[in-house]
Amino acid sequence: MFGIKLYHINNKINYLIETCFTIEDNPKVVLIFDNIDYDPLKEDVWRITNLPEFIDSEFGDDEKEFIIWLSIPEEYLLDFKLFKEGKYSKFSDKYKEVLIKSYTSKRGEGFSRKSGLPNVSVYDAINPNKELRDAMAEHLNTKEKIVEVLDAPKLEEEEFKKIDLIYGR
């Protein structure tokens, strides 16, 4: 969404603790990193703080974390609204391209042991095909047409909250 790739995130190292958002009139993306002395992470933080969407940063959780607030790019505000509603297949083509570039166009395979439902990839969520929709309907034992193959996010779980508010410090 912000047009940058983070250098410090790879198969072996990832100091990004969480990506969440705020749900106010002017929603923001919140990135929470481990506060660690690691040059690739410092480079990523420097690049993020130079984005036009950068709003603010601060230390959190007794300086164990580094928190960055970013505004959502204007061109993706509708996509963010659709995300909150769980309407992933309605994302703009441009945002779908961004997601495919990050997560690939691979479809999920097999079924979840926990739910028994088909495994769903990011690509499946933004481009669900008839076979997946039909498999979902069959496993859910419904005749209703399945439009989205993932539930909408639970906003109360996705919204950023300072640790002091969570634990009442």
C-alpha atoms as a PDB file:
ATOM      1  CA  MET A   1       0.000   0.000   0.000  1.00  0.00           C
ATOM      2  CA  PHE A   2       2.902   2.371   0.701  1.00  0.00           C
ATOM      3  CA  GLY A   3       5.057   1.286  -2.208  1.00  0.00           C
ATOM      4  CA  ILE A   4       8.087   0.124  -0.208  1.00  0.00           C
ATOM      5  CA  LYS A   5       9.551  -3.265   0.632  1.00  0.00           C
ATOM      6  CA  LEU A   6      10.961  -3.715   4.110  1.00  0.00           C
ATOM      7  CA  TYR A   7      14.556  -4.970   4.010  1.00  0.00           C
ATOM      8  CA  HIS A   8      14.631  -6.499   7.456  1.00  0.00           C
ATOM      9  CA  ILE A   9      11.714  -8.859   6.821  1.00  0.00           C
ATOM     10  CA  ASN A  10      12.759 -12.208   5.386  1.00  0.00           C
ATOM     11  CA  ASN A  11      12.457 -15.910   6.160  1.00  0.00           C
ATOM     12  CA  LYS A  12      14.930 -15.673   9.060  1.00  0.00           C
ATOM     13  CA  ILE A  13      14.396 -12.212  10.564  1.00  0.00           C
ATOM     14  CA  ASN A  14      11.272 -10.155  11.118  1.00  0.00           C
ATOM     15  CA  TYR A  15      11.117  -7.435  13.748  1.00  0.00           C
ATOM     16  CA  LEU A  16       7.648  -6.288  12.706  1.00  0.00           C
ATOM     17  CA  ILE A  17       5.509  -7.263  15.691  1.00  0.00           C
ATOM     18  CA  GLU A  18       2.125  -6.144  14.422  1.00  0.00           C
ATOM     19  CA  THR A  19       0.331  -4.198  11.739  1.00  0.00           C
ATOM     20  CA  CYS A  20      -2.989  -2.782  12.840  1.00  0.00           C
ATOM     21  CA  PHE A  21      -5.085   0.313  12.285  1.00  0.00           C
ATOM     22  CA  THR A  22      -7.229   2.953  13.922  1.00  0.00           C
ATOM     23  CA  ILE A  23     -10.914   3.226  13.037  1.00  0.00           C
ATOM     24  CA  GLU A  24     -11.507   6.925  13.375  1.00  0.00           C
ATOM     25  CA  ASP A  25     -12.666   9.470  10.786  1.00  0.00           C
ATOM     26  CA  ASN A  26      -9.102   9.628   9.460  1.00  0.00           C
ATOM     27  CA  PRO A  27      -8.002   6.001   9.812  1.00  0.00           C
ATOM     28  CA  LYS A  28      -4.329   5.225  10.216  1.00  0.00           C
ATOM     29  CA  VAL A  29      -2.114   2.206   9.745  1.00  0.00           C
ATOM     30  CA  VAL A  30      -0.001   1.441  12.814  1.00  0.00           C
ATOM     31  CA  LEU A  31       3.261  -0.489  12.495  1.00  0.00           C
ATOM     32  CA  ILE A  32       4.803  -1.876  15.681  1.00  0.00           C
ATOM     33  CA  PHE A  33       8.432  -2.999  15.588  1.00  0.00           C
ATOM     34  CA  ASP A  34      10.773  -4.495  18.151  1.00  0.00           C
ATOM     35  CA  ASN A  35      13.046  -1.708  19.348  1.00  0.00           C
ATOM     36  CA  ILE A  36      16.341  -3.360  18.532  1.00  0.00           C
ATOM     37  CA  ASP A  37      19.714  -2.114  17.301  1.00  0.00           C
ATOM     38  CA  TYR A  38      19.763  -3.731  13.853  1.00  0.00           C
ATOM     39  CA  ASP A  39      20.918  -1.790  10.798  1.00  0.00           C
ATOM     40  CA  PRO A  40      18.426  -3.168   8.216  1.00  0.00           C
ATOM     41  CA  LEU A  41      15.590  -2.361  10.636  1.00  0.00           C
ATOM     42  CA  LYS A  42      16.976   1.156  11.149  1.00  0.00           C
ATOM     43  CA  GLU A  43      17.058   1.578   7.364  1.00  0.00           C
ATOM     44  CA  ASP A  44      13.439   0.440   7.075  1.00  0.00           C
ATOM     45  CA  VAL A  45      12.327   2.817   9.832  1.00  0.00           C
ATOM     46  CA  TRP A  46      14.171   5.688   8.170  1.00  0.00           C
ATOM     47  CA  ARG A  47      12.507   4.906   4.812  1.00  0.00           C
ATOM     48  CA  ILE A  48       9.050   4.643   6.418  1.00  0.00           C
ATOM     49  CA  THR A  49       9.440   7.928   8.285  1.00  0.00           C
ATOM     50  CA  ASN A  50      10.249   9.622   4.978  1.00  0.00           C
ATOM     51  CA  LEU A  51       7.043   8.491   3.300  1.00  0.00           C
ATOM     52  CA  PRO A  52       4.497  11.247   2.577  1.00  0.00           C
ATOM     53  CA  GLU A  53       1.980   9.233   4.645  1.00  0.00           C
ATOM     54  CA  PHE A  54       4.173   9.315   7.778  1.00  0.00           C
ATOM     55  CA  ILE A  55       2.360  10.980  10.691  1.00  0.00           C
ATOM     56  CA  ASP A  56       4.233  10.238  13.903  1.00  0.00           C
ATOM     57  CA  SER A  57       6.307   7.712  15.826  1.00  0.00           C
ATOM     58  CA  GLU A  58       7.001   6.913  19.447  1.00  0.00           C
ATOM     59  CA  PHE A  59       8.385   4.271  21.737  1.00  0.00           C
ATOM     60  CA  GLY A  60       5.948   1.948  23.482  1.00  0.00           C
ATOM     61  CA  ASP A  61       5.872  -0.785  26.124  1.00  0.00           C
ATOM     62  CA  ASP A  62       8.722   0.619  28.224  1.00  0.00           C
ATOM     63  CA  GLU A  63      10.718   1.359  25.048  1.00  0.00           C
ATOM     64  CA  LYS A  64      10.684  -2.294  23.926  1.00  0.00           C
ATOM     65  CA  GLU A  65       8.691  -1.297  20.844  1.00  0.00           C
ATOM     66  CA  PHE A  66       8.862   1.388  18.183  1.00  0.00           C
ATOM     67  CA  ILE A  67       5.456   2.490  16.864  1.00  0.00           C
ATOM     68  CA  ILE A  68       4.861   4.303  13.567  1.00  0.00           C
ATOM     69  CA  TRP A  69       1.573   5.902  12.443  1.00  0.00           C
ATOM     70  CA  LEU A  70       0.835   6.331   8.745  1.00  0.00           C
ATOM     71  CA  SER A  71      -2.143   7.828   6.984  1.00  0.00           C
ATOM     72  CA  ILE A  72      -3.815   5.596   4.451  1.00  0.00           C
ATOM     73  CA  PRO A  73      -3.005   6.778   0.930  1.00  0.00           C
ATOM     74  CA  GLU A  74      -6.003   8.558  -0.579  1.00  0.00           C
ATOM     75  CA  GLU A  75      -6.121   6.110  -3.486  1.00  0.00           C
ATOM     76  CA  TYR A  76      -6.672   3.201  -1.062  1.00  0.00           C
ATOM     77  CA  LEU A  77      -9.271   4.707   1.296  1.00  0.00           C
ATOM     78  CA  LEU A  78     -12.130   2.874  -0.430  1.00  0.00           C
ATOM     79  CA  ASP A  79     -10.120  -0.374  -0.269  1.00  0.00           C
ATOM     80  CA  PHE A  80      -9.647   0.166   3.469  1.00  0.00           C
ATOM     81  CA  LYS A  81     -13.401   0.683   3.897  1.00  0.00           C
ATOM     82  CA  LEU A  82     -14.018  -2.527   1.944  1.00  0.00           C
ATOM     83  CA  PHE A  83     -11.426  -4.342   4.102  1.00  0.00           C
ATOM     84  CA  LYS A  84     -13.253  -3.328   7.284  1.00  0.00           C
ATOM     85  CA  GLU A  85     -16.487  -4.686   5.779  1.00  0.00           C
ATOM     86  CA  GLY A  86     -14.840  -7.945   4.648  1.00  0.00           C
ATOM     87  CA  LYS A  87     -15.485  -7.197   0.973  1.00  0.00           C
ATOM     88  CA  TYR A  88     -12.069  -8.341  -0.209  1.00  0.00           C
ATOM     89  CA  SER A  89     -13.171  -9.364  -3.703  1.00  0.00           C
ATOM     90  CA  LYS A  90     -14.363  -5.779  -4.266  1.00  0.00           C
ATOM     91  CA  PHE A  91     -10.884  -4.255  -3.789  1.00  0.00           C
ATOM     92  CA  SER A  92      -9.667  -2.051  -6.609  1.00  0.00           C
ATOM     93  CA  ASP A  93      -7.614  -3.724  -9.316  1.00  0.00           C
ATOM     94  CA  LYS A  94      -4.667  -1.548  -8.324  1.00  0.00           C
ATOM     95  CA  TYR A  95      -4.771  -2.705  -4.700  1.00  0.00           C
ATOM     96  CA  LYS A  96      -5.242  -6.326  -5.776  1.00  0.00           C
ATOM     97  CA  GLU A  97      -2.037  -5.975  -7.813  1.00  0.00           C
ATOM     98  CA  VAL A  98      -0.205  -4.697  -4.723  1.00  0.00           C
ATOM     99  CA  LEU A  99      -1.430  -7.658  -2.682  1.00  0.00           C
ATOM    100  CA  ILE A 100      -0.558 -10.185  -5.373  1.00  0.00           C
ATOM    101  CA  LYS A 101       2.939  -8.727  -5.616  1.00  0.00           C
ATOM    102  CA  SER A 102       3.357  -9.179  -1.836  1.00  0.00           C
ATOM    103  CA  TYR A 103       1.545 -12.488  -1.327  1.00  0.00           C
ATOM    104  CA  THR A 104       1.663 -14.187  -4.787  1.00  0.00           C
ATOM    105  CA  SER A 105      -1.197 -15.509  -6.880  1.00  0.00           C
ATOM    106  CA  LYS A 106      -1.102 -18.965  -5.331  1.00  0.00           C
ATOM    107  CA  ARG A 107      -4.430 -20.476  -4.330  1.00  0.00           C
ATOM    108  CA  GLY A 108      -4.965 -22.240  -1.018  1.00  0.00           C
ATOM    109  CA  GLU A 109      -4.796 -26.017  -0.998  1.00  0.00           C
ATOM    110  CA  GLY A 110      -6.544 -28.596   1.118  1.00  0.00           C
ATOM    111  CA  PHE A 111      -8.817 -28.077   4.066  1.00  0.00           C
ATOM    112  CA  SER A 112      -8.387 -26.629   7.547  1.00  0.00           C
ATOM    113  CA  ARG A 113      -8.159 -29.289  10.249  1.00  0.00           C
ATOM    114  CA  LYS A 114      -9.792 -26.883  12.686  1.00  0.00           C
ATOM    115  CA  SER A 115     -12.820 -25.746  10.663  1.00  0.00           C
ATOM    116  CA  GLY A 116     -13.027 -28.311   7.867  1.00  0.00           C
ATOM    117  CA  LEU A 117     -13.344 -25.435   5.395  1.00  0.00           C
ATOM    118  CA  PRO A 118     -11.090 -25.033   2.365  1.00  0.00           C
ATOM    119  CA  ASN A 119      -7.791 -23.251   3.068  1.00  0.00           C
ATOM    120  CA  VAL A 120      -7.933 -19.732   1.647  1.00  0.00           C
ATOM    121  CA  SER A 121      -4.948 -17.710   0.438  1.00  0.00           C
ATOM    122  CA  VAL A 122      -4.830 -13.932   0.036  1.00  0.00           C
ATOM    123  CA  TYR A 123      -5.275 -14.502  -3.688  1.00  0.00           C
ATOM    124  CA  ASP A 124      -8.387 -16.613  -3.034  1.00  0.00           C
ATOM    125  CA  ALA A 125      -9.842 -13.854  -0.842  1.00  0.00           C
ATOM    126  CA  ILE A 126      -9.413 -11.129  -3.448  1.00  0.00           C
ATOM    127  CA  ASN A 127     -10.216 -13.327  -6.472  1.00  0.00           C
ATOM    128  CA  PRO A 128     -12.461 -16.163  -5.283  1.00  0.00           C
ATOM    129  CA  ASN A 129     -13.406 -18.591  -8.026  1.00  0.00           C
ATOM    130  CA  LYS A 130     -16.630 -20.576  -8.457  1.00  0.00           C
ATOM    131  CA  GLU A 131     -15.024 -23.816  -7.255  1.00  0.00           C
ATOM    132  CA  LEU A 132     -13.959 -22.266  -3.949  1.00  0.00           C
ATOM    133  CA  ARG A 133     -17.310 -20.541  -3.441  1.00  0.00           C
ATOM    134  CA  ASP A 134     -19.114 -23.819  -4.145  1.00  0.00           C
ATOM    135  CA  ALA A 135     -16.818 -25.748  -1.770  1.00  0.00           C
ATOM    136  CA  MET A 136     -17.483 -23.165   0.944  1.00  0.00           C
ATOM    137  CA  ALA A 137     -21.251 -23.410   0.436  1.00  0.00           C
ATOM    138  CA  GLU A 138     -21.084 -27.213   0.546  1.00  0.00           C
ATOM    139  CA  HIS A 139     -19.024 -27.283   3.754  1.00  0.00           C
ATOM    140  CA  LEU A 140     -21.284 -24.680   5.336  1.00  0.00           C
ATOM    141  CA  ASN A 141     -24.312 -26.658   4.158  1.00  0.00           C
ATOM    142  CA  THR A 142     -26.004 -23.611   2.662  1.00  0.00           C
ATOM    143  CA  LYS A 143     -27.769 -22.867  -0.585  1.00  0.00           C
ATOM    144  CA  GLU A 144     -26.936 -19.159  -0.228  1.00  0.00           C
ATOM    145  CA  LYS A 145     -24.511 -17.796  -2.766  1.00  0.00           C
ATOM    146  CA  ILE A 146     -21.081 -17.322  -1.173  1.00  0.00           C
ATOM    147  CA  VAL A 147     -19.626 -13.971  -2.238  1.00  0.00           C
ATOM    148  CA  GLU A 148     -16.652 -13.596   0.110  1.00  0.00           C
ATOM    149  CA  VAL A 149     -14.572 -16.584   1.214  1.00  0.00           C
ATOM    150  CA  LEU A 150     -13.137 -14.970   4.352  1.00  0.00           C
ATOM    151  CA  ASP A 151     -14.992 -13.414   7.242  1.00  0.00           C
ATOM    152  CA  ALA A 152     -14.745  -9.680   7.816  1.00  0.00           C
ATOM    153  CA  PRO A 153     -12.063  -8.751  10.355  1.00  0.00           C
ATOM    154  CA  LYS A 154     -13.092  -8.420  13.982  1.00  0.00           C
ATOM    155  CA  LEU A 155     -12.418  -4.708  14.240  1.00  0.00           C
ATOM    156  CA  GLU A 156     -12.073  -4.726  18.027  1.00  0.00           C
ATOM    157  CA  GLU A 157      -9.210  -7.222  17.649  1.00  0.00           C
ATOM    158  CA  GLU A 158      -7.526  -5.410  14.754  1.00  0.00           C
ATOM    159  CA  GLU A 159      -7.708  -1.877  16.118  1.00  0.00           C
ATOM    160  CA  PHE A 160      -4.555  -0.440  17.686  1.00  0.00           C
ATOM    161  CA  LYS A 161      -4.635  -0.030  21.449  1.00  0.00           C
ATOM    162  CA  LYS A 162      -1.785   1.121  23.609  1.00  0.00           C
ATOM    163  CA  ILE A 163      -0.512  -1.552  25.947  1.00  0.00           C
ATOM    164  CA  ASP A 164      -1.312   0.679  28.946  1.00  0.00           C
ATOM    165  CA  LEU A 165      -5.013   0.550  27.984  1.00  0.00           C
ATOM    166  CA  ILE A 166      -4.966  -3.211  27.398  1.00  0.00           C
ATOM    167  CA  TYR A 167      -3.350  -4.078  30.726  1.00  0.00           C
ATOM    168  CA  GLY A 168      -4.565  -1.085  32.744  1.00  0.00           C
ATOM    169  CA  ARG A 169      -1.145   0.234  33.617  1.00  0.00           C
END
